[in-house]
Amino acid sequence: MSVSEMISASGRTGSLKPLTMDDIPNCSVADRVILEMIIDNDVDLDQLSEVIQENPSLSALIIGLANSAYYSSPSSIFSIKDAIIKVLGMRMVRSVVLSVILGKSLDVSQCKEFSVQDFWTDNLTAARFCQLLVSETSLKTLVSSEEIYLYALLAGFGELVMIQHYPFEMNELILATEGKLNIYIAAQEAQFGITQAEAGVLMSKRWGLPELVTKVMQNLFKKDYRGDNWEVCVVVGAVINLVNEVRNGEKKIGFDPAIEEILGKNSSECNLDQIVELRSVYQVLAKHLMSGSN
């Protein structure tokens, strides 16, 4: 059955409750304390490290990231403080902590076909590969590596919002679209009149996230977008699409010419094989993240 046939057969589109900002939950009191700390530019490093250390899922993810081959730490990292000082930096740790808190606030348990492990694997992979692109291409003139890491890491979180609000309908779409992102997004628009991009914007505004996070969420799937910061938006979207293709087993992947022009490099010069390697690394980290949050 095609996506359009599945949507028509369900006959439920008109009865679905529209998604609004009021449907986006706030975080717990404990997570709010952590959130306030990571937003505070004057936060005490020892105090922040101690708070993160008490959270198993956060600790496993941050220390795992710091020790991964793609951060080239000269020695093993065993503490949150060393991960921040020696490898990742405060801004990147803030991004990771924020993403985990956002993820915890949204309940996706009723959508049985949704893979939390794949979600985290893909988001971490896209974020790190975007970061590598900044260091190796003309993208460095447009955005910092820390900024694009945050944008890419949070870009897919609208999907969690959609799944919490429409768990059973999203479950059907996941089955029908077989992991193909572009078809999945189109099916969301057809069934709900809203996609995970717009849902991400609602979440971003509800949580008071940086304006550019909202901008990227809103426009990352619009190849023809040419508004503010359009280059960053479309590059993040292009990387997310490549990660999805790798997840689906595609062997030959590449950027469109428009993306290559922004990067100042051809696809063959962008080390796209790293996406496969990153997914392998981050699948393990995502598994630890899931087990630590249970």
Protein backbone atom coordinates (compact mmCIF):
# COMPACT_ATOMS: atom_id res chain seq x y z
CA MET A 1 0.00 0.00 0.00
CA SER A 2 1.34 3.42 -0.95
CA VAL A 3 1.64 6.24 1.57
CA SER A 4 -1.32 8.11 0.06
CA GLU A 5 -3.46 4.96 0.10
CA MET A 6 -2.52 4.28 3.72
CA ILE A 7 -3.46 7.81 4.77
CA SER A 8 -6.76 7.61 2.88
CA ALA A 9 -7.58 4.22 4.37
CA SER A 10 -6.95 5.41 7.93
CA GLY A 11 -9.73 8.00 7.58
CA ARG A 12 -8.53 9.78 10.70
CA THR A 13 -6.91 12.93 9.44
CA GLY A 14 -9.88 15.18 10.12
CA SER A 15 -10.33 13.92 13.68
CA LEU A 16 -6.75 14.50 14.79
CA LYS A 17 -6.13 17.21 17.37
CA PRO A 18 -3.93 19.96 15.87
CA LEU A 19 -0.49 20.29 17.43
CA THR A 20 0.08 23.56 19.30
CA MET A 21 2.83 24.99 21.47
CA ASP A 22 0.78 24.11 24.57
CA ASP A 23 1.25 20.43 23.68
CA ILE A 24 5.03 20.73 24.11
CA PRO A 25 5.90 19.60 27.66
CA ASN A 26 8.24 21.37 30.02
CA CYS A 27 11.16 19.48 31.55
CA SER A 28 11.30 18.10 35.09
CA VAL A 29 12.47 20.22 38.01
CA ALA A 30 15.77 18.29 38.19
CA ASP A 31 16.42 18.77 34.48
CA ARG A 32 15.50 22.44 34.75
CA VAL A 33 18.30 22.86 37.31
CA ILE A 34 20.79 21.34 34.85
CA LEU A 35 19.38 23.44 32.01
CA GLU A 36 19.79 26.65 33.99
CA MET A 37 23.37 25.70 34.78
CA ILE A 38 24.39 25.04 31.19
CA ILE A 39 22.80 28.32 30.05
CA ASP A 40 24.70 30.29 32.73
CA ASN A 41 27.95 31.56 31.19
CA ASP A 42 29.42 32.00 34.67
CA VAL A 43 28.63 28.47 35.86
CA ASP A 44 31.24 26.80 38.07
CA LEU A 45 32.88 24.01 36.07
CA ASP A 46 33.31 21.72 39.07
CA GLN A 47 29.66 22.09 40.06
CA LEU A 48 28.42 21.46 36.50
CA SER A 49 30.68 18.42 36.15
CA GLU A 50 29.35 17.00 39.41
CA VAL A 51 25.72 17.45 38.36
CA ILE A 52 26.32 15.81 34.97
CA GLN A 53 28.27 12.98 36.62
CA GLU A 54 25.17 12.11 38.66
CA ASN A 55 23.21 11.48 35.44
CA PRO A 56 24.24 8.09 33.98
CA SER A 57 22.96 8.72 30.45
CA LEU A 58 24.62 12.12 30.19
CA SER A 59 27.88 10.87 31.64
CA ALA A 60 28.05 7.87 29.30
CA LEU A 61 27.36 10.01 26.25
CA ILE A 62 29.79 12.84 27.05
CA ILE A 63 32.67 10.60 28.10
CA GLY A 64 31.98 8.32 25.14
CA LEU A 65 32.09 11.26 22.75
CA ALA A 66 35.33 12.55 24.28
CA ASN A 67 36.98 9.14 23.84
CA SER A 68 35.75 8.51 20.31
CA ALA A 69 38.33 8.42 17.54
CA TYR A 70 36.88 11.48 15.82
CA TYR A 71 37.96 13.80 18.64
CA SER A 72 41.58 12.59 18.70
CA SER A 73 42.15 12.86 22.43
CA PRO A 74 45.82 12.03 23.17
CA SER A 75 44.82 10.10 26.31
CA SER A 76 41.75 8.35 27.68
CA ILE A 77 39.11 10.54 29.31
CA PHE A 78 37.47 9.32 32.50
CA SER A 79 35.80 12.41 34.02
CA ILE A 80 33.26 14.95 32.83
CA LYS A 81 35.60 17.79 33.78
CA ASP A 82 38.41 16.39 31.61
CA ALA A 83 35.95 15.81 28.76
CA ILE A 84 35.01 19.49 28.88
CA ILE A 85 38.48 20.95 29.36
CA LYS A 86 40.63 18.64 27.25
CA VAL A 87 38.39 17.58 24.38
CA LEU A 88 34.85 18.83 23.83
CA GLY A 89 34.67 22.32 25.29
CA MET A 90 31.85 23.91 27.23
CA ARG A 91 29.72 24.91 24.24
CA MET A 92 29.60 21.41 22.80
CA VAL A 93 28.82 19.83 26.17
CA ARG A 94 26.01 22.35 26.57
CA SER A 95 24.58 21.23 23.23
CA VAL A 96 24.72 17.55 24.19
CA VAL A 97 23.14 18.15 27.61
CA LEU A 98 20.37 20.24 26.07
CA SER A 99 19.58 17.54 23.51
CA VAL A 100 19.35 14.83 26.17
CA ILE A 101 17.05 16.94 28.35
CA LEU A 102 14.81 17.71 25.38
CA GLY A 103 14.68 14.04 24.45
CA LYS A 104 13.74 12.98 27.97
CA SER A 105 10.84 15.43 28.08
CA LEU A 106 9.08 13.75 25.14
CA ASP A 107 7.36 10.35 25.43
CA VAL A 108 7.82 8.18 22.33
CA SER A 109 7.11 4.83 24.00
CA GLN A 110 3.73 4.32 22.27
CA CYS A 111 5.26 4.43 18.79
CA LYS A 112 6.61 0.89 18.55
CA GLU A 113 8.25 1.26 15.14
CA PHE A 114 10.31 4.27 16.20
CA SER A 115 13.94 3.41 17.02
CA VAL A 116 15.34 5.67 19.72
CA GLN A 117 18.78 4.20 19.12
CA ASP A 118 18.68 5.04 15.41
CA PHE A 119 17.38 8.52 16.22
CA TRP A 120 20.34 9.31 18.47
CA THR A 121 22.79 7.60 16.13
CA ASP A 122 21.62 9.69 13.18
CA ASN A 123 21.53 12.98 15.09
CA LEU A 124 24.98 12.52 16.62
CA THR A 125 26.37 11.48 13.23
CA ALA A 126 24.89 14.47 11.41
CA ALA A 127 26.10 16.87 14.10
CA ARG A 128 29.67 15.59 14.06
CA PHE A 129 29.88 15.40 10.26
CA CYS A 130 28.60 18.98 9.98
CA GLN A 131 31.31 19.95 12.43
CA LEU A 132 33.94 18.24 10.26
CA LEU A 133 32.62 20.05 7.18
CA VAL A 134 33.10 23.40 8.90
CA SER A 135 36.75 22.61 9.59
CA GLU A 136 37.45 21.31 6.06
CA THR A 137 35.38 23.51 3.70
CA SER A 138 34.28 27.08 2.96
CA LEU A 139 31.48 26.59 5.47
CA LYS A 140 33.89 27.87 8.13
CA THR A 141 33.29 31.43 6.88
CA LEU A 142 29.57 31.14 7.65
CA VAL A 143 29.25 29.34 10.98
CA SER A 144 31.40 28.02 13.83
CA SER A 145 31.84 24.30 14.41
CA GLU A 146 30.14 24.56 17.82
CA GLU A 147 27.13 26.37 16.38
CA ILE A 148 26.51 23.95 13.53
CA TYR A 149 26.90 21.01 15.92
CA LEU A 150 24.00 22.37 17.98
CA TYR A 151 21.86 23.09 14.91
CA ALA A 152 22.34 19.60 13.44
CA LEU A 153 22.00 17.82 16.79
CA LEU A 154 18.61 19.41 17.47
CA ALA A 155 17.33 19.56 13.87
CA GLY A 156 15.44 16.27 14.08
CA PHE A 157 13.78 16.78 17.45
CA GLY A 158 10.49 17.82 15.87
CA GLU A 159 10.01 14.14 15.04
CA LEU A 160 9.87 13.37 18.77
CA VAL A 161 7.22 16.06 19.20
CA MET A 162 5.15 14.55 16.39
CA ILE A 163 5.49 11.05 17.83
CA GLN A 164 4.41 12.12 21.29
CA HIS A 165 1.36 13.92 19.89
CA TYR A 166 0.42 11.41 17.14
CA PRO A 167 2.01 8.13 18.33
CA PHE A 168 -0.18 5.63 16.47
CA GLU A 169 -0.46 7.62 13.25
CA MET A 170 3.30 8.23 13.19
CA ASN A 171 3.81 4.52 13.78
CA GLU A 172 1.84 3.84 10.59
CA LEU A 173 3.87 6.39 8.64
CA ILE A 174 7.17 4.88 9.79
CA LEU A 175 5.99 1.49 8.57
CA ALA A 176 4.65 2.80 5.27
CA THR A 177 7.63 4.99 4.33
CA GLU A 178 10.27 2.35 5.16
CA GLY A 179 12.86 4.76 6.52
CA LYS A 180 12.93 7.05 3.46
CA LEU A 181 13.14 10.54 4.92
CA ASN A 182 11.79 12.61 2.02
CA ILE A 183 8.73 10.36 1.66
CA TYR A 184 8.29 10.36 5.45
CA ILE A 185 8.25 14.19 5.56
CA ALA A 186 5.78 14.39 2.65
CA ALA A 187 3.51 11.85 4.36
CA GLN A 188 3.51 13.92 7.55
CA GLU A 189 2.39 16.98 5.60
CA ALA A 190 -0.33 14.98 3.82
CA GLN A 191 -1.75 13.42 6.97
CA PHE A 192 -1.32 16.11 9.62
CA GLY A 193 -0.92 19.35 7.68
CA ILE A 194 2.33 19.80 9.60
CA THR A 195 5.75 18.17 9.46
CA GLN A 196 8.43 17.52 12.03
CA ALA A 197 10.11 20.73 10.84
CA GLU A 198 7.17 22.86 12.00
CA ALA A 199 6.83 20.75 15.13
CA GLY A 200 10.49 21.46 15.85
CA VAL A 201 9.83 25.18 15.53
CA LEU A 202 7.05 24.92 18.14
CA MET A 203 9.40 23.07 20.46
CA SER A 204 12.20 25.58 19.90
CA LYS A 205 9.95 28.52 20.71
CA ARG A 206 8.44 26.75 23.74
CA TRP A 207 11.89 26.11 25.18
CA GLY A 208 13.35 29.46 24.19
CA LEU A 209 16.13 27.97 22.07
CA PRO A 210 18.45 30.23 20.03
CA GLU A 211 16.81 31.86 17.01
CA LEU A 212 19.13 30.15 14.55
CA VAL A 213 18.17 26.73 15.93
CA THR A 214 14.57 27.60 15.10
CA LYS A 215 15.60 28.85 11.65
CA VAL A 216 17.42 25.63 10.81
CA MET A 217 14.56 23.44 12.04
CA GLN A 218 12.10 25.42 9.96
CA ASN A 219 14.03 25.36 6.69
CA LEU A 220 16.36 22.36 6.60
CA PHE A 221 14.11 20.39 4.20
CA LYS A 222 13.47 23.38 1.90
CA LYS A 223 16.13 23.12 -0.80
CA ASP A 224 14.95 26.38 -2.38
CA TYR A 225 15.09 28.42 0.86
CA ARG A 226 17.16 31.58 0.37
CA GLY A 227 16.37 33.61 3.48
CA ASP A 228 18.63 34.42 6.42
CA ASN A 229 21.44 31.92 6.96
CA TRP A 230 20.13 29.81 4.09
CA GLU A 231 23.51 28.19 3.40
CA VAL A 232 23.72 26.73 6.91
CA CYS A 233 20.09 25.56 6.79
CA VAL A 234 20.40 23.72 3.49
CA VAL A 235 23.78 22.17 4.33
CA VAL A 236 22.43 20.75 7.60
CA GLY A 237 19.42 19.41 5.71
CA ALA A 238 21.65 17.87 3.05
CA VAL A 239 23.82 16.14 5.67
CA ILE A 240 20.74 14.76 7.44
CA ASN A 241 19.54 13.35 4.12
CA LEU A 242 22.91 11.69 3.49
CA VAL A 243 22.89 10.15 6.96
CA ASN A 244 19.42 8.79 6.22
CA GLU A 245 20.64 7.31 2.93
CA VAL A 246 23.53 5.60 4.71
CA ARG A 247 21.13 4.24 7.33
CA ASN A 248 19.07 2.76 4.48
CA GLY A 249 22.09 1.03 2.99
CA GLU A 250 22.88 3.38 0.09
CA LYS A 251 26.42 2.83 -1.14
CA LYS A 252 26.83 5.84 -3.42
CA ILE A 253 25.95 9.15 -1.78
CA GLY A 254 26.76 12.73 -2.70
CA PHE A 255 25.77 16.36 -2.34
CA ASP A 256 23.78 18.29 -4.92
CA PRO A 257 25.82 20.82 -6.96
CA ALA A 258 24.28 23.70 -4.99
CA ILE A 259 25.63 22.25 -1.73
CA GLU A 260 29.04 21.63 -3.30
CA GLU A 261 29.15 25.29 -4.32
CA ILE A 262 28.51 26.39 -0.72
CA LEU A 263 31.20 24.04 0.57
CA GLY A 264 33.70 24.98 -2.13
CA LYS A 265 34.39 21.29 -2.73
CA ASN A 266 33.05 18.39 -4.75
CA SER A 267 31.40 15.51 -2.93
CA SER A 268 34.44 13.35 -3.64
CA GLU A 269 36.55 15.78 -1.62
CA CYS A 270 34.24 15.81 1.42
CA ASN A 271 35.19 12.42 2.91
CA LEU A 272 31.61 11.17 2.85
CA ASP A 273 32.81 7.72 3.89
CA GLN A 274 33.17 9.22 7.36
CA ILE A 275 29.38 9.15 7.71
CA VAL A 276 29.43 5.35 7.64
CA GLU A 277 32.23 5.26 10.20
CA LEU A 278 30.53 7.80 12.46
CA ARG A 279 27.26 5.87 12.44
CA SER A 280 29.12 2.78 13.57
CA VAL A 281 30.75 4.66 16.45
CA TYR A 282 27.60 6.43 17.52
CA GLN A 283 25.40 3.34 17.43
CA VAL A 284 27.38 2.12 20.43
CA LEU A 285 27.13 5.47 22.21
CA ALA A 286 23.39 5.66 21.50
CA LYS A 287 22.92 2.23 23.02
CA HIS A 288 24.68 3.38 26.19
CA LEU A 289 22.56 6.52 26.23
CA MET A 290 19.37 4.45 26.07
CA SER A 291 20.45 2.01 28.78
CA GLY A 292 21.56 4.84 31.04
CA SER A 293 18.22 6.61 30.75
CA ASN A 294 16.15 3.55 31.74
